Amino acid sequence: TENKPLFIDFWASWCKNCSKMEKTTFLDSAVQQRLDPYIKLKFQAEDMTAPAIKPVLDQYGVIGLPTYVILKPNE
């Protein structure tokens, strides 16, 4: 409804790089400013083989974490 692009952050609590990104990169004001135009969505993928999670990961080609996907709104 907002006609903004969507930034999806695929992550898990066991993912060291995901945790590092949260504690450093995503706290950087320049990064926050660049991500401001996006609707941000965090998709927790603790068990990447779980029946409710695997189809979503497959749909977006996620083979490891972290993975970031940007979806543009329909124009």
C-alpha atoms as a PDB file:
ATOM      1  CA  THR A   1       0.000   0.000   0.000  1.00  0.00           C
ATOM      2  CA  GLU A   2       2.970   2.317   0.529  1.00  0.00           C
ATOM      3  CA  ASN A   3       4.407   1.566  -2.927  1.00  0.00           C
ATOM      4  CA  LYS A   4       7.904   1.253  -1.425  1.00  0.00           C
ATOM      5  CA  PRO A   5      10.500  -1.414  -2.171  1.00  0.00           C
ATOM      6  CA  LEU A   6      10.798  -4.229   0.360  1.00  0.00           C
ATOM      7  CA  PHE A   7      14.159  -5.143   1.942  1.00  0.00           C
ATOM      8  CA  ILE A   8      14.068  -8.723   3.269  1.00  0.00           C
ATOM      9  CA  ASP A   9      16.754  -9.797   5.749  1.00  0.00           C
ATOM     10  CA  PHE A  10      16.944 -13.596   5.991  1.00  0.00           C
ATOM     11  CA  TRP A  11      18.670 -14.427   9.285  1.00  0.00           C
ATOM     12  CA  ALA A  12      18.978 -16.865  12.215  1.00  0.00           C
ATOM     13  CA  SER A  13      20.149 -16.575  15.815  1.00  0.00           C
ATOM     14  CA  TRP A  14      22.961 -19.092  15.185  1.00  0.00           C
ATOM     15  CA  CYS A  15      24.305 -17.060  12.225  1.00  0.00           C
ATOM     16  CA  LYS A  16      27.449 -15.215  13.362  1.00  0.00           C
ATOM     17  CA  ASN A  17      27.513 -12.942  10.315  1.00  0.00           C
ATOM     18  CA  CYS A  18      23.844 -12.042  10.846  1.00  0.00           C
ATOM     19  CA  SER A  19      24.625 -11.051  14.416  1.00  0.00           C
ATOM     20  CA  LYS A  20      27.661  -9.028  13.328  1.00  0.00           C
ATOM     21  CA  MET A  21      25.592  -7.159  10.735  1.00  0.00           C
ATOM     22  CA  GLU A  22      23.000  -6.266  13.397  1.00  0.00           C
ATOM     23  CA  LYS A  23      25.668  -4.984  15.796  1.00  0.00           C
ATOM     24  CA  THR A  24      27.698  -3.020  13.236  1.00  0.00           C
ATOM     25  CA  THR A  25      26.511  -2.407   9.687  1.00  0.00           C
ATOM     26  CA  PHE A  26      22.803  -1.940  10.363  1.00  0.00           C
ATOM     27  CA  LEU A  27      23.597   0.512  13.197  1.00  0.00           C
ATOM     28  CA  ASP A  28      25.680   2.707  10.891  1.00  0.00           C
ATOM     29  CA  SER A  29      23.837   5.970  10.205  1.00  0.00           C
ATOM     30  CA  ALA A  30      24.821   5.981   6.515  1.00  0.00           C
ATOM     31  CA  VAL A  31      23.394   2.468   6.078  1.00  0.00           C
ATOM     32  CA  GLN A  32      20.236   3.408   7.963  1.00  0.00           C
ATOM     33  CA  GLN A  33      19.821   6.429   5.699  1.00  0.00           C
ATOM     34  CA  ARG A  34      20.240   4.278   2.568  1.00  0.00           C
ATOM     35  CA  LEU A  35      17.665   1.777   3.852  1.00  0.00           C
ATOM     36  CA  ASP A  36      15.175   4.451   4.899  1.00  0.00           C
ATOM     37  CA  PRO A  37      13.171   4.331   1.621  1.00  0.00           C
ATOM     38  CA  TYR A  38      12.572   0.593   2.099  1.00  0.00           C
ATOM     39  CA  ILE A  39      10.058  -1.343   4.115  1.00  0.00           C
ATOM     40  CA  LYS A  40      12.289  -3.634   6.163  1.00  0.00           C
ATOM     41  CA  LEU A  41      11.314  -7.226   6.903  1.00  0.00           C
ATOM     42  CA  LYS A  42      13.330  -9.729   8.930  1.00  0.00           C
ATOM     43  CA  PHE A  43      12.642 -13.381   8.076  1.00  0.00           C
ATOM     44  CA  GLN A  44      13.944 -15.730  10.764  1.00  0.00           C
ATOM     45  CA  ALA A  45      15.173 -18.990   9.246  1.00  0.00           C
ATOM     46  CA  GLU A  46      16.387 -20.962  12.295  1.00  0.00           C
ATOM     47  CA  ASP A  47      15.795 -24.340  10.629  1.00  0.00           C
ATOM     48  CA  MET A  48      16.356 -23.810   6.929  1.00  0.00           C
ATOM     49  CA  THR A  49      14.853 -27.241   6.153  1.00  0.00           C
ATOM     50  CA  ALA A  50      11.603 -26.739   8.093  1.00  0.00           C
ATOM     51  CA  PRO A  51       8.479 -27.246   5.940  1.00  0.00           C
ATOM     52  CA  ALA A  52       7.235 -23.714   6.663  1.00  0.00           C
ATOM     53  CA  ILE A  53      10.602 -22.087   5.904  1.00  0.00           C
ATOM     54  CA  LYS A  54      12.257 -24.035   3.073  1.00  0.00           C
ATOM     55  CA  PRO A  55       9.696 -23.063   0.373  1.00  0.00           C
ATOM     56  CA  VAL A  56      10.235 -19.373   1.137  1.00  0.00           C
ATOM     57  CA  LEU A  57      14.021 -19.745   0.995  1.00  0.00           C
ATOM     58  CA  ASP A  58      13.716 -21.665  -2.279  1.00  0.00           C
ATOM     59  CA  GLN A  59      11.439 -19.008  -3.762  1.00  0.00           C
ATOM     60  CA  TYR A  60      14.084 -16.320  -3.218  1.00  0.00           C
ATOM     61  CA  GLY A  61      17.144 -18.473  -3.938  1.00  0.00           C
ATOM     62  CA  VAL A  62      18.470 -18.332  -0.383  1.00  0.00           C
ATOM     63  CA  ILE A  63      21.254 -20.889   0.080  1.00  0.00           C
ATOM     64  CA  GLY A  64      22.947 -19.402   3.151  1.00  0.00           C
ATOM     65  CA  LEU A  65      22.563 -16.757   5.805  1.00  0.00           C
ATOM     66  CA  PRO A  66      22.552 -13.868   5.904  1.00  0.00           C
ATOM     67  CA  THR A  67      20.844 -13.177   2.603  1.00  0.00           C
ATOM     68  CA  TYR A  68      19.261  -9.876   1.606  1.00  0.00           C
ATOM     69  CA  VAL A  69      16.573  -9.577  -1.056  1.00  0.00           C
ATOM     70  CA  ILE A  70      15.010  -6.423  -2.461  1.00  0.00           C
ATOM     71  CA  LEU A  71      11.571  -6.561  -4.042  1.00  0.00           C
ATOM     72  CA  LYS A  72      10.343  -3.616  -6.053  1.00  0.00           C
ATOM     73  CA  PRO A  73       6.671  -2.638  -5.976  1.00  0.00           C
ATOM     74  CA  ASN A  74       4.540  -3.235  -9.047  1.00  0.00           C
ATOM     75  CA  GLU A  75       4.596  -0.192 -11.229  1.00  0.00           C
END
